[in-house]
Every structure is written in structure tokens, then in C-alpha cells.
Amino acid sequence: MAGPKKKQHYVPQFYLNEFADAHHQLYVFDKFERRSYRTQVGNIANERYFYDFPQDDNSDSDGISDADVQITFKYKGDIPNAQVIEDTFSALEGDYSTAFRDIQQTIGDRKPLSLKQKYILSHFIAVQYRRTPEHRRLLTEASEKFITKLWEKTHKDHPIRVKFNQKYASLAQALDMFDPFANTQLIQVLMSHIWIIGLNESDTPLYTSDQPVVKMSRRDLQGFGSLGIQITLPFTAKNVLLLCDRREFLPIVLAGYEDSYLPLDSEDVKHYNSLQVLDSYRQIYCPIGDFLFAAELCAEHPAVCTPKQSRIEVS
């Protein structure tokens, strides 16, 4: 009988292998350490017991005893399988892997993605965006800042220190990832966007990262359905999925690019690579070891190269 899975990936290995060589090796740029190296796919985008649930409900403060308010997620009784999320992803990724191979064949044939393929990709994006360390930190930071802001509105003269009990972070993240109502709504939003495949025609490979689904907008709104939003997911070093808000990107539809293929030059590739560098948590991945562009971006934006970066403001 197999033991517990210690090394738990938050970006699937089948996906990362699209950026690796025949020996399942690729290059990594570490934003925190500002260095690059080559390694096996199995060694990256994972943490020990990342998704495991705590098996007791009698936690102490776990090192945050000086907090005035501690945020925890309680549940009744024991969870029979602490690794239920890891087991769920193991099953899901088998289906995803098969679907991605089919999608790559469709791209190779320059055919439009089918409705079924769009649905599978929408489900993948909905879950993948919320399963990473970056999103876990966003959730905990938002909880801390929201409660702090509520307190400040009525107790301005008595500030408090609010901290999220990280022992329960995996549970909070699981509730967010597998909320059926939220997932259904998010999939519907993604399906409603303009779908385009960007084809990298330059010699510069596309990056991916430990947060491969990236949202960007010329506006301040960053929701998946916000006006002007564009969502990107690199498939390989040579192609990238682009989902564009239909209201703002109507000219793309009129130009005939919806459900079609858009050639990308070196400047386009630099743009999409910059999104991966700036929105990743810590690591960027590439088939080759040239990370000069990533290093330059990190030098220009040092705030995104630390785990202590601020991710959200509550007003």
C-alpha cells in the first residue's frame, strides 16, 4: 500500500513537461534568489504536504500568539483522508492530460477549439488559478486586511493585529477551489470570452511559471469577467491561449481572430513573458536558460521578488 504523498504539485507535471526536453528537464529562474538553474520537472512547483488538511481541531496559535485576532477554518469531526485534495488532483490531472494532448493536436492542425475543449480548458483555468501558493497568500492576506478594515471603521483608536492561522490555509483554499457554484459561474464567464490561440513566430520562447494563469487589464478591474480583462495561459513555448473580454476587444472579433490563430512577434512574446514574471510567486520556467529579460524585469520591479509583497488593498 502506498504511503502518503509528500511532494504535492500545484502546477501539473504533464503541463510543465510541455516546456521541458525529452529528459523532462527545463530551466528555472528563481525571483527570490535571482538565479537560474536546470532541473527535473518533478523537482519544481511543489511543496511538502501542500494540500494536506490538519487532522485535529485543537490548534494552538502556531507561532502567532501575539495576534489580537486569529483567523481559522474549523470543521466538525476528523477528515478521514488528509490527502483528499491531492487525490482529487491526481484523478483530475489524468483527464486534463488526455484533453491537453487532444488540444495540441487541434492546434497543430490549425483548427478551432471545440466547445468541449473550451469547457475543459475553462475548468482547468478555474481550478489552476486558485490552487497555487500565490493564490493561497492572496486569500489569507485578503482575510486579514478585510477584518482589520472592518475593525478600524468602528474602533479607530484601538488598532488590532489580525493573522491567519496557516495551519488551516489548505482547508480555506480547498473551499475556494471546489466551490461548485463559484466554479460553474467562473466557467460560464470564461466560455463567454473571445478565444484566440497566439502562435509564437519569434525565436524567443514563451515563459510559464508557478502561477501560469495570468490576468491583466488596462483598467483597475481584475476579475475574470471584468471589463477589459485578458487572461493568458501558455500551452508551450510556441503557443499561448488568450481569452479576451468581448466588450473591450470587439475589434479582434471584427478582424476575424475569434476562434482563430494570432501570429506573435518578438515584442508580443516579451509582453506575455513579462506577465509571467510579474505575476508569478517565485519561479519562471523555460526550455532554454536565457533569463536576461526576467532578471531585468526583477531589477525594475523588486517588490514582486519577495514573499512579503503586498497583494491586495481593501478600501
C-alpha atoms as a PDB file:
ATOM      1  CA  MET A   1       0.000   0.000   0.000  1.00  0.00           C
ATOM      2  CA  ALA A   2       1.387   3.388  -0.989  1.00  0.00           C
ATOM      3  CA  GLY A   3       2.220   5.832   1.778  1.00  0.00           C
ATOM      4  CA  PRO A   4       1.228   9.497   1.970  1.00  0.00           C
ATOM      5  CA  LYS A   5       2.272  11.729  -0.897  1.00  0.00           C
ATOM      6  CA  LYS A   6       4.834  14.163   0.489  1.00  0.00           C
ATOM      7  CA  LYS A   7       5.701  16.119  -2.663  1.00  0.00           C
ATOM      8  CA  GLN A   8       2.483  17.748  -3.890  1.00  0.00           C
ATOM      9  CA  HIS A   9       2.494  19.740  -7.125  1.00  0.00           C
ATOM     10  CA  TYR A  10       0.468  22.911  -7.548  1.00  0.00           C
ATOM     11  CA  VAL A  11       1.263  23.081 -11.270  1.00  0.00           C
ATOM     12  CA  PRO A  12       0.734  19.721 -13.023  1.00  0.00           C
ATOM     13  CA  GLN A  13       3.780  17.872 -14.267  1.00  0.00           C
ATOM     14  CA  PHE A  14       2.081  16.981 -17.567  1.00  0.00           C
ATOM     15  CA  TYR A  15       1.728  20.724 -18.214  1.00  0.00           C
ATOM     16  CA  LEU A  16       5.307  21.587 -17.240  1.00  0.00           C
ATOM     17  CA  ASN A  17       6.627  18.819 -19.491  1.00  0.00           C
ATOM     18  CA  GLU A  18       5.469  20.908 -22.460  1.00  0.00           C
ATOM     19  CA  PHE A  19       8.297  23.308 -21.552  1.00  0.00           C
ATOM     20  CA  ALA A  20      10.880  20.562 -20.893  1.00  0.00           C
ATOM     21  CA  ASP A  21      13.167  18.427 -23.037  1.00  0.00           C
ATOM     22  CA  ALA A  22      12.909  14.698 -23.736  1.00  0.00           C
ATOM     23  CA  HIS A  23      14.555  14.025 -20.365  1.00  0.00           C
ATOM     24  CA  HIS A  24      11.873  16.041 -18.517  1.00  0.00           C
ATOM     25  CA  GLN A  25      14.319  18.812 -17.689  1.00  0.00           C
ATOM     26  CA  LEU A  26      13.801  22.552 -18.024  1.00  0.00           C
ATOM     27  CA  TYR A  27      15.316  25.805 -16.820  1.00  0.00           C
ATOM     28  CA  VAL A  28      14.144  27.719 -13.765  1.00  0.00           C
ATOM     29  CA  PHE A  29      14.585  31.359 -12.804  1.00  0.00           C
ATOM     30  CA  ASP A  30      14.149  31.996  -9.068  1.00  0.00           C
ATOM     31  CA  LYS A  31      12.921  35.554  -8.438  1.00  0.00           C
ATOM     32  CA  PHE A  32      13.786  35.490  -4.739  1.00  0.00           C
ATOM     33  CA  GLU A  33      17.384  34.349  -5.265  1.00  0.00           C
ATOM     34  CA  ARG A  34      17.828  35.991  -8.702  1.00  0.00           C
ATOM     35  CA  ARG A  35      19.470  32.890 -10.152  1.00  0.00           C
ATOM     36  CA  SER A  36      18.705  30.281 -12.803  1.00  0.00           C
ATOM     37  CA  TYR A  37      19.374  26.554 -12.990  1.00  0.00           C
ATOM     38  CA  ARG A  38      18.324  23.393 -14.801  1.00  0.00           C
ATOM     39  CA  THR A  39      16.326  20.677 -13.071  1.00  0.00           C
ATOM     40  CA  GLN A  40      13.769  17.905 -13.455  1.00  0.00           C
ATOM     41  CA  VAL A  41      10.088  18.780 -13.784  1.00  0.00           C
ATOM     42  CA  GLY A  42       9.389  16.669 -10.718  1.00  0.00           C
ATOM     43  CA  ASN A  43      11.515  18.995  -8.578  1.00  0.00           C
ATOM     44  CA  ILE A  44       9.588  22.215  -9.202  1.00  0.00           C
ATOM     45  CA  ALA A  45       6.161  23.756  -8.475  1.00  0.00           C
ATOM     46  CA  ASN A  46       5.590  21.618  -5.408  1.00  0.00           C
ATOM     47  CA  GLU A  47       5.692  21.777  -1.622  1.00  0.00           C
ATOM     48  CA  ARG A  48       5.684  19.071   1.013  1.00  0.00           C
ATOM     49  CA  TYR A  49       2.131  18.221   2.082  1.00  0.00           C
ATOM     50  CA  PHE A  50       0.882  21.420   0.422  1.00  0.00           C
ATOM     51  CA  TYR A  51      -2.786  20.361   0.229  1.00  0.00           C
ATOM     52  CA  ASP A  52      -2.993  18.191   3.368  1.00  0.00           C
ATOM     53  CA  PHE A  53      -5.715  19.019   5.884  1.00  0.00           C
ATOM     54  CA  PRO A  54      -4.902  19.181   9.611  1.00  0.00           C
ATOM     55  CA  GLN A  55      -6.246  16.134  11.453  1.00  0.00           C
ATOM     56  CA  ASP A  56      -7.098  17.805  14.759  1.00  0.00           C
ATOM     57  CA  ASP A  57      -9.297  20.742  15.644  1.00  0.00           C
ATOM     58  CA  ASN A  58      -7.449  21.897  18.741  1.00  0.00           C
ATOM     59  CA  SER A  59      -4.757  24.080  17.277  1.00  0.00           C
ATOM     60  CA  ASP A  60      -2.726  26.486  19.312  1.00  0.00           C
ATOM     61  CA  SER A  61      -1.677  29.784  17.796  1.00  0.00           C
ATOM     62  CA  ASP A  62       1.077  28.187  15.704  1.00  0.00           C
ATOM     63  CA  GLY A  63       3.542  30.980  16.371  1.00  0.00           C
ATOM     64  CA  ILE A  64       1.097  33.873  16.135  1.00  0.00           C
ATOM     65  CA  SER A  65       0.165  34.145  19.812  1.00  0.00           C
ATOM     66  CA  ASP A  66       0.778  37.898  19.714  1.00  0.00           C
ATOM     67  CA  ALA A  67      -2.116  38.375  17.274  1.00  0.00           C
ATOM     68  CA  ASP A  68      -5.227  40.015  18.693  1.00  0.00           C
ATOM     69  CA  VAL A  69      -7.456  38.157  16.211  1.00  0.00           C
ATOM     70  CA  GLN A  70      -6.618  34.782  14.699  1.00  0.00           C
ATOM     71  CA  ILE A  71      -8.465  33.569  11.590  1.00  0.00           C
ATOM     72  CA  THR A  72      -9.107  29.821  11.461  1.00  0.00           C
ATOM     73  CA  PHE A  73     -11.346  27.494   9.467  1.00  0.00           C
ATOM     74  CA  LYS A  74     -12.960  24.939  11.757  1.00  0.00           C
ATOM     75  CA  TYR A  75     -14.739  21.734  10.775  1.00  0.00           C
ATOM     76  CA  LYS A  76     -16.642  19.125  12.746  1.00  0.00           C
ATOM     77  CA  GLY A  77     -15.017  15.747  13.327  1.00  0.00           C
ATOM     78  CA  ASP A  78     -11.966  14.244  11.659  1.00  0.00           C
ATOM     79  CA  ILE A  79     -11.342  14.215   7.930  1.00  0.00           C
ATOM     80  CA  PRO A  80     -10.786  10.513   7.108  1.00  0.00           C
ATOM     81  CA  ASN A  81      -8.248  11.321   4.398  1.00  0.00           C
ATOM     82  CA  ALA A  82      -5.954  14.272   4.976  1.00  0.00           C
ATOM     83  CA  GLN A  83      -4.836  13.992   1.344  1.00  0.00           C
ATOM     84  CA  VAL A  84      -8.266  14.101  -0.264  1.00  0.00           C
ATOM     85  CA  ILE A  85      -7.320  17.208  -2.310  1.00  0.00           C
ATOM     86  CA  GLU A  86      -4.084  15.665  -3.556  1.00  0.00           C
ATOM     87  CA  ASP A  87      -6.011  12.506  -4.505  1.00  0.00           C
ATOM     88  CA  THR A  88      -8.623  14.607  -6.286  1.00  0.00           C
ATOM     89  CA  PHE A  89      -5.959  16.377  -8.333  1.00  0.00           C
ATOM     90  CA  SER A  90      -4.296  13.086  -9.229  1.00  0.00           C
ATOM     91  CA  ALA A  91      -7.569  11.935 -10.791  1.00  0.00           C
ATOM     92  CA  LEU A  92      -8.315  15.284 -12.440  1.00  0.00           C
ATOM     93  CA  GLU A  93      -4.869  15.595 -13.985  1.00  0.00           C
ATOM     94  CA  GLY A  94      -5.238  12.294 -15.790  1.00  0.00           C
ATOM     95  CA  ASP A  95      -8.284  13.720 -17.566  1.00  0.00           C
ATOM     96  CA  TYR A  96      -6.599  17.077 -18.136  1.00  0.00           C
ATOM     97  CA  SER A  97      -3.512  15.430 -19.615  1.00  0.00           C
ATOM     98  CA  THR A  98      -5.570  13.497 -22.161  1.00  0.00           C
ATOM     99  CA  ALA A  99      -7.507  16.632 -23.070  1.00  0.00           C
ATOM    100  CA  PHE A 100      -4.346  18.718 -23.466  1.00  0.00           C
ATOM    101  CA  ARG A 101      -2.853  16.186 -25.896  1.00  0.00           C
ATOM    102  CA  ASP A 102      -6.031  16.424 -27.947  1.00  0.00           C
ATOM    103  CA  ILE A 103      -5.889  20.234 -27.820  1.00  0.00           C
ATOM    104  CA  GLN A 104      -2.273  20.251 -29.004  1.00  0.00           C
ATOM    105  CA  GLN A 105      -3.335  18.136 -31.972  1.00  0.00           C
ATOM    106  CA  THR A 106      -6.086  20.638 -32.746  1.00  0.00           C
ATOM    107  CA  ILE A 107      -3.580  23.493 -32.582  1.00  0.00           C
ATOM    108  CA  GLY A 108      -1.166  21.589 -34.784  1.00  0.00           C
ATOM    109  CA  ASP A 109      -3.926  21.203 -37.375  1.00  0.00           C
ATOM    110  CA  ARG A 110      -4.826  24.920 -37.036  1.00  0.00           C
ATOM    111  CA  LYS A 111      -8.455  24.072 -36.310  1.00  0.00           C
ATOM    112  CA  PRO A 112     -10.786  25.948 -33.935  1.00  0.00           C
ATOM    113  CA  LEU A 113     -11.120  24.584 -30.424  1.00  0.00           C
ATOM    114  CA  SER A 114     -14.338  22.644 -29.928  1.00  0.00           C
ATOM    115  CA  LEU A 115     -16.956  23.559 -27.323  1.00  0.00           C
ATOM    116  CA  LYS A 116     -15.880  20.532 -25.269  1.00  0.00           C
ATOM    117  CA  GLN A 117     -12.227  21.588 -25.396  1.00  0.00           C
ATOM    118  CA  LYS A 118     -13.152  25.111 -24.293  1.00  0.00           C
ATOM    119  CA  TYR A 119     -15.138  23.715 -21.378  1.00  0.00           C
ATOM    120  CA  ILE A 120     -12.241  21.519 -20.223  1.00  0.00           C
ATOM    121  CA  LEU A 121      -9.796  24.420 -20.517  1.00  0.00           C
ATOM    122  CA  SER A 122     -12.188  26.694 -18.623  1.00  0.00           C
ATOM    123  CA  HIS A 123     -12.404  24.152 -15.807  1.00  0.00           C
ATOM    124  CA  PHE A 124      -8.623  23.795 -15.791  1.00  0.00           C
ATOM    125  CA  ILE A 125      -8.140  27.579 -15.616  1.00  0.00           C
ATOM    126  CA  ALA A 126     -10.768  27.979 -12.883  1.00  0.00           C
ATOM    127  CA  VAL A 127      -9.024  25.443 -10.657  1.00  0.00           C
ATOM    128  CA  GLN A 128      -5.390  26.072 -11.637  1.00  0.00           C
ATOM    129  CA  TYR A 129      -5.540  29.782 -10.881  1.00  0.00           C
ATOM    130  CA  ARG A 130      -6.709  29.052  -7.327  1.00  0.00           C
ATOM    131  CA  ARG A 131      -4.521  26.077  -6.420  1.00  0.00           C
ATOM    132  CA  THR A 132      -1.123  27.822  -6.181  1.00  0.00           C
ATOM    133  CA  PRO A 133       0.891  29.290  -3.266  1.00  0.00           C
ATOM    134  CA  GLU A 134       0.368  32.757  -4.750  1.00  0.00           C
ATOM    135  CA  HIS A 135      -3.409  32.419  -4.546  1.00  0.00           C
ATOM    136  CA  ARG A 136      -3.212  30.943  -1.030  1.00  0.00           C
ATOM    137  CA  ARG A 137      -1.287  34.021   0.079  1.00  0.00           C
ATOM    138  CA  LEU A 138      -3.835  36.238  -1.668  1.00  0.00           C
ATOM    139  CA  LEU A 139      -6.673  34.530   0.230  1.00  0.00           C
ATOM    140  CA  THR A 140      -5.008  34.832   3.621  1.00  0.00           C
ATOM    141  CA  GLU A 141      -3.888  38.417   3.055  1.00  0.00           C
ATOM    142  CA  ALA A 142      -7.390  39.416   1.909  1.00  0.00           C
ATOM    143  CA  SER A 143      -8.934  37.847   5.022  1.00  0.00           C
ATOM    144  CA  GLU A 144      -6.506  39.627   7.334  1.00  0.00           C
ATOM    145  CA  LYS A 145      -6.912  43.018   5.674  1.00  0.00           C
ATOM    146  CA  PHE A 146     -10.695  42.777   5.384  1.00  0.00           C
ATOM    147  CA  ILE A 147     -11.177  42.043   9.085  1.00  0.00           C
ATOM    148  CA  THR A 148      -8.665  44.747  10.005  1.00  0.00           C
ATOM    149  CA  LYS A 149     -10.531  47.283   7.865  1.00  0.00           C
ATOM    150  CA  LEU A 150     -13.887  46.342   9.410  1.00  0.00           C
ATOM    151  CA  TRP A 151     -12.445  46.814  12.898  1.00  0.00           C
ATOM    152  CA  GLU A 152     -10.879  50.155  12.021  1.00  0.00           C
ATOM    153  CA  LYS A 153     -14.208  51.567  10.843  1.00  0.00           C
ATOM    154  CA  THR A 154     -15.662  51.298  14.373  1.00  0.00           C
ATOM    155  CA  HIS A 155     -12.573  51.202  16.612  1.00  0.00           C
ATOM    156  CA  LYS A 156     -10.196  53.751  15.124  1.00  0.00           C
ATOM    157  CA  ASP A 157      -8.435  54.374  18.439  1.00  0.00           C
ATOM    158  CA  HIS A 158      -7.778  50.693  19.172  1.00  0.00           C
ATOM    159  CA  PRO A 159      -5.807  49.032  16.331  1.00  0.00           C
ATOM    160  CA  ILE A 160      -5.509  45.254  16.328  1.00  0.00           C
ATOM    161  CA  ARG A 161      -3.168  42.711  14.762  1.00  0.00           C
ATOM    162  CA  VAL A 162      -5.035  40.137  12.669  1.00  0.00           C
ATOM    163  CA  LYS A 163      -3.278  36.976  11.479  1.00  0.00           C
ATOM    164  CA  PHE A 164      -4.485  33.969   9.500  1.00  0.00           C
ATOM    165  CA  ASN A 165      -3.658  30.644  11.145  1.00  0.00           C
ATOM    166  CA  GLN A 166      -1.672  28.967   8.365  1.00  0.00           C
ATOM    167  CA  LYS A 167      -2.488  25.541   9.758  1.00  0.00           C
ATOM    168  CA  TYR A 168      -5.903  25.942   8.168  1.00  0.00           C
ATOM    169  CA  ALA A 169      -4.803  27.621   4.938  1.00  0.00           C
ATOM    170  CA  SER A 170      -5.121  24.401   2.926  1.00  0.00           C
ATOM    171  CA  LEU A 171      -8.717  23.980   4.079  1.00  0.00           C
ATOM    172  CA  ALA A 172      -9.621  27.571   3.200  1.00  0.00           C
ATOM    173  CA  GLN A 173      -8.018  27.166  -0.220  1.00  0.00           C
ATOM    174  CA  ALA A 174      -9.856  23.889  -0.855  1.00  0.00           C
ATOM    175  CA  LEU A 175     -13.203  25.504  -0.027  1.00  0.00           C
ATOM    176  CA  ASP A 176     -12.372  28.221  -2.544  1.00  0.00           C
ATOM    177  CA  MET A 177     -11.151  25.865  -5.297  1.00  0.00           C
ATOM    178  CA  PHE A 178     -14.013  23.386  -5.160  1.00  0.00           C
ATOM    179  CA  ASP A 179     -16.977  25.666  -4.543  1.00  0.00           C
ATOM    180  CA  PRO A 180     -19.385  24.212  -7.163  1.00  0.00           C
ATOM    181  CA  PHE A 181     -21.454  27.380  -7.551  1.00  0.00           C
ATOM    182  CA  ALA A 182     -18.387  29.609  -7.948  1.00  0.00           C
ATOM    183  CA  ASN A 183     -16.794  27.190 -10.418  1.00  0.00           C
ATOM    184  CA  THR A 184     -19.943  26.995 -12.536  1.00  0.00           C
ATOM    185  CA  GLN A 185     -20.151  30.771 -12.694  1.00  0.00           C
ATOM    186  CA  LEU A 186     -16.458  31.164 -13.492  1.00  0.00           C
ATOM    187  CA  ILE A 187     -16.583  28.575 -16.271  1.00  0.00           C
ATOM    188  CA  GLN A 188     -19.549  30.392 -17.818  1.00  0.00           C
ATOM    189  CA  VAL A 189     -17.615  33.676 -17.717  1.00  0.00           C
ATOM    190  CA  LEU A 190     -14.536  32.128 -19.339  1.00  0.00           C
ATOM    191  CA  MET A 191     -16.608  30.446 -22.045  1.00  0.00           C
ATOM    192  CA  SER A 192     -18.202  33.803 -22.920  1.00  0.00           C
ATOM    193  CA  HIS A 193     -14.863  35.471 -23.740  1.00  0.00           C
ATOM    194  CA  ILE A 194     -13.192  35.737 -27.138  1.00  0.00           C
ATOM    195  CA  TRP A 195     -10.917  32.691 -27.581  1.00  0.00           C
ATOM    196  CA  ILE A 196      -7.691  33.047 -29.558  1.00  0.00           C
ATOM    197  CA  ILE A 197      -4.521  30.963 -29.859  1.00  0.00           C
ATOM    198  CA  GLY A 198      -1.363  33.048 -30.089  1.00  0.00           C
ATOM    199  CA  LEU A 199       1.340  31.464 -32.245  1.00  0.00           C
ATOM    200  CA  ASN A 200       4.896  32.386 -31.337  1.00  0.00           C
ATOM    201  CA  GLU A 201       6.681  33.041 -34.616  1.00  0.00           C
ATOM    202  CA  SER A 202       9.799  34.501 -32.988  1.00  0.00           C
ATOM    203  CA  ASP A 203      12.982  32.815 -31.791  1.00  0.00           C
ATOM    204  CA  THR A 204      12.188  33.777 -28.190  1.00  0.00           C
ATOM    205  CA  PRO A 205      10.371  31.033 -26.260  1.00  0.00           C
ATOM    206  CA  LEU A 206       7.308  31.768 -24.168  1.00  0.00           C
ATOM    207  CA  TYR A 207       7.754  31.512 -20.400  1.00  0.00           C
ATOM    208  CA  THR A 208       5.456  29.817 -17.966  1.00  0.00           C
ATOM    209  CA  SER A 209       5.609  29.967 -14.166  1.00  0.00           C
ATOM    210  CA  ASP A 210       4.355  28.713 -10.813  1.00  0.00           C
ATOM    211  CA  GLN A 211       1.237  30.857 -11.493  1.00  0.00           C
ATOM    212  CA  PRO A 212       0.679  30.109 -15.197  1.00  0.00           C
ATOM    213  CA  VAL A 213      -2.834  31.581 -15.488  1.00  0.00           C
ATOM    214  CA  VAL A 214      -2.395  35.360 -15.635  1.00  0.00           C
ATOM    215  CA  LYS A 215      -4.985  38.138 -15.695  1.00  0.00           C
ATOM    216  CA  MET A 216      -4.223  41.624 -16.981  1.00  0.00           C
ATOM    217  CA  SER A 217      -6.199  44.722 -17.868  1.00  0.00           C
ATOM    218  CA  ARG A 218      -5.588  48.322 -18.838  1.00  0.00           C
ATOM    219  CA  ARG A 219      -8.174  49.169 -16.188  1.00  0.00           C
ATOM    220  CA  ASP A 220      -8.045  48.683 -12.417  1.00  0.00           C
ATOM    221  CA  LEU A 221     -10.573  45.822 -12.512  1.00  0.00           C
ATOM    222  CA  GLN A 222      -9.014  42.359 -12.317  1.00  0.00           C
ATOM    223  CA  GLY A 223     -11.963  39.954 -12.118  1.00  0.00           C
ATOM    224  CA  PHE A 224     -12.251  37.123 -14.642  1.00  0.00           C
ATOM    225  CA  GLY A 225     -15.313  38.854 -16.092  1.00  0.00           C
ATOM    226  CA  SER A 226     -14.185  42.461 -15.665  1.00  0.00           C
ATOM    227  CA  LEU A 227     -14.380  44.995 -18.465  1.00  0.00           C
ATOM    228  CA  GLY A 228     -11.166  44.910 -20.473  1.00  0.00           C
ATOM    229  CA  ILE A 229      -9.773  41.733 -18.876  1.00  0.00           C
ATOM    230  CA  GLN A 230      -7.422  39.455 -20.796  1.00  0.00           C
ATOM    231  CA  ILE A 231      -6.497  36.014 -19.446  1.00  0.00           C
ATOM    232  CA  THR A 232      -3.443  34.153 -20.712  1.00  0.00           C
ATOM    233  CA  LEU A 233      -2.217  30.579 -20.338  1.00  0.00           C
ATOM    234  CA  PRO A 234       0.910  29.459 -22.224  1.00  0.00           C
ATOM    235  CA  PHE A 235       0.427  25.960 -23.676  1.00  0.00           C
ATOM    236  CA  THR A 236       4.015  25.502 -24.834  1.00  0.00           C
ATOM    237  CA  ALA A 237       6.991  27.721 -25.649  1.00  0.00           C
ATOM    238  CA  LYS A 238       5.392  28.246 -29.075  1.00  0.00           C
ATOM    239  CA  ASN A 239       1.702  28.917 -28.347  1.00  0.00           C
ATOM    240  CA  VAL A 240      -0.472  30.617 -25.758  1.00  0.00           C
ATOM    241  CA  LEU A 241      -4.191  30.736 -25.032  1.00  0.00           C
ATOM    242  CA  LEU A 242      -5.684  34.245 -24.970  1.00  0.00           C
ATOM    243  CA  LEU A 243      -9.149  34.915 -23.525  1.00  0.00           C
ATOM    244  CA  CYS A 244     -10.352  38.480 -24.107  1.00  0.00           C
ATOM    245  CA  ASP A 245     -13.310  40.406 -22.742  1.00  0.00           C
ATOM    246  CA  ARG A 246     -15.804  40.614 -25.594  1.00  0.00           C
ATOM    247  CA  ARG A 247     -16.867  44.199 -24.819  1.00  0.00           C
ATOM    248  CA  GLU A 248     -13.403  45.738 -24.993  1.00  0.00           C
ATOM    249  CA  PHE A 249     -11.834  43.510 -27.636  1.00  0.00           C
ATOM    250  CA  LEU A 250     -14.603  43.660 -30.234  1.00  0.00           C
ATOM    251  CA  PRO A 251     -12.124  44.884 -32.909  1.00  0.00           C
ATOM    252  CA  ILE A 252     -10.391  41.498 -32.614  1.00  0.00           C
ATOM    253  CA  VAL A 253     -13.677  39.809 -33.480  1.00  0.00           C
ATOM    254  CA  LEU A 254     -14.208  42.156 -36.409  1.00  0.00           C
ATOM    255  CA  ALA A 255     -10.688  41.397 -37.629  1.00  0.00           C
ATOM    256  CA  GLY A 256     -11.594  37.715 -37.795  1.00  0.00           C
ATOM    257  CA  TYR A 257      -9.352  36.445 -34.980  1.00  0.00           C
ATOM    258  CA  GLU A 258     -12.034  34.903 -32.745  1.00  0.00           C
ATOM    259  CA  ASP A 259     -11.666  31.106 -32.607  1.00  0.00           C
ATOM    260  CA  SER A 260      -8.603  31.529 -34.773  1.00  0.00           C
ATOM    261  CA  TYR A 261      -4.816  31.918 -34.615  1.00  0.00           C
ATOM    262  CA  LEU A 262      -2.929  35.159 -33.994  1.00  0.00           C
ATOM    263  CA  PRO A 263       0.766  35.419 -35.032  1.00  0.00           C
ATOM    264  CA  LEU A 264       3.012  36.775 -32.268  1.00  0.00           C
ATOM    265  CA  ASP A 265       6.279  38.574 -32.938  1.00  0.00           C
ATOM    266  CA  SER A 266       9.173  39.004 -30.505  1.00  0.00           C
ATOM    267  CA  GLU A 267       7.598  42.092 -28.871  1.00  0.00           C
ATOM    268  CA  ASP A 268       4.343  40.221 -28.294  1.00  0.00           C
ATOM    269  CA  VAL A 269       6.271  37.349 -26.708  1.00  0.00           C
ATOM    270  CA  LYS A 270       8.147  39.766 -24.435  1.00  0.00           C
ATOM    271  CA  HIS A 271       4.805  41.194 -23.329  1.00  0.00           C
ATOM    272  CA  TYR A 272       3.350  37.802 -22.399  1.00  0.00           C
ATOM    273  CA  ASN A 273       6.629  36.753 -20.769  1.00  0.00           C
ATOM    274  CA  SER A 274       6.577  39.914 -18.672  1.00  0.00           C
ATOM    275  CA  LEU A 275       3.145  38.906 -17.322  1.00  0.00           C
ATOM    276  CA  GLN A 276       4.531  35.551 -16.205  1.00  0.00           C
ATOM    277  CA  VAL A 277       7.491  37.193 -14.482  1.00  0.00           C
ATOM    278  CA  LEU A 278       5.479  39.867 -12.685  1.00  0.00           C
ATOM    279  CA  ASP A 279       2.526  37.672 -11.642  1.00  0.00           C
ATOM    280  CA  SER A 280       4.424  34.535 -10.644  1.00  0.00           C
ATOM    281  CA  TYR A 281       5.030  33.765  -6.998  1.00  0.00           C
ATOM    282  CA  ARG A 282       8.679  32.752  -7.170  1.00  0.00           C
ATOM    283  CA  GLN A 283       9.696  30.729 -10.255  1.00  0.00           C
ATOM    284  CA  ILE A 284       9.629  31.156 -14.032  1.00  0.00           C
ATOM    285  CA  TYR A 285      10.132  28.181 -16.374  1.00  0.00           C
ATOM    286  CA  CYS A 286      11.542  27.980 -19.894  1.00  0.00           C
ATOM    287  CA  PRO A 287      13.031  25.357 -22.250  1.00  0.00           C
ATOM    288  CA  ILE A 288      16.268  27.383 -22.525  1.00  0.00           C
ATOM    289  CA  GLY A 289      18.373  29.054 -19.870  1.00  0.00           C
ATOM    290  CA  ASP A 290      18.291  32.635 -21.169  1.00  0.00           C
ATOM    291  CA  PHE A 291      16.574  34.655 -18.416  1.00  0.00           C
ATOM    292  CA  LEU A 292      18.173  38.033 -19.063  1.00  0.00           C
ATOM    293  CA  PHE A 293      14.745  39.571 -19.707  1.00  0.00           C
ATOM    294  CA  ALA A 294      13.356  38.097 -16.468  1.00  0.00           C
ATOM    295  CA  ALA A 295      16.339  39.388 -14.493  1.00  0.00           C
ATOM    296  CA  GLU A 296      15.923  42.877 -15.950  1.00  0.00           C
ATOM    297  CA  LEU A 297      12.227  42.933 -15.018  1.00  0.00           C
ATOM    298  CA  CYS A 298      13.035  41.822 -11.476  1.00  0.00           C
ATOM    299  CA  ALA A 299      15.572  44.629 -11.180  1.00  0.00           C
ATOM    300  CA  GLU A 300      12.935  47.124 -12.335  1.00  0.00           C
ATOM    301  CA  HIS A 301      10.212  45.705 -10.060  1.00  0.00           C
ATOM    302  CA  PRO A 302      11.899  44.398  -6.883  1.00  0.00           C
ATOM    303  CA  ALA A 303       8.573  44.424  -4.997  1.00  0.00           C
ATOM    304  CA  VAL A 304       7.430  41.314  -6.905  1.00  0.00           C
ATOM    305  CA  CYS A 305      10.558  39.393  -5.901  1.00  0.00           C
ATOM    306  CA  THR A 306       9.768  38.836  -2.238  1.00  0.00           C
ATOM    307  CA  PRO A 307       7.212  36.645  -0.425  1.00  0.00           C
ATOM    308  CA  LYS A 308       6.309  39.691   1.660  1.00  0.00           C
ATOM    309  CA  GLN A 309       4.910  41.652  -1.270  1.00  0.00           C
ATOM    310  CA  SER A 310       1.507  43.274  -0.779  1.00  0.00           C
ATOM    311  CA  ARG A 311      -1.108  41.605  -2.980  1.00  0.00           C
ATOM    312  CA  ILE A 312      -4.317  43.394  -2.125  1.00  0.00           C
ATOM    313  CA  GLU A 313      -5.662  46.675  -0.811  1.00  0.00           C
ATOM    314  CA  VAL A 314      -9.018  46.864   0.952  1.00  0.00           C
ATOM    315  CA  SER A 315     -10.823  50.192   0.651  1.00  0.00           C
END
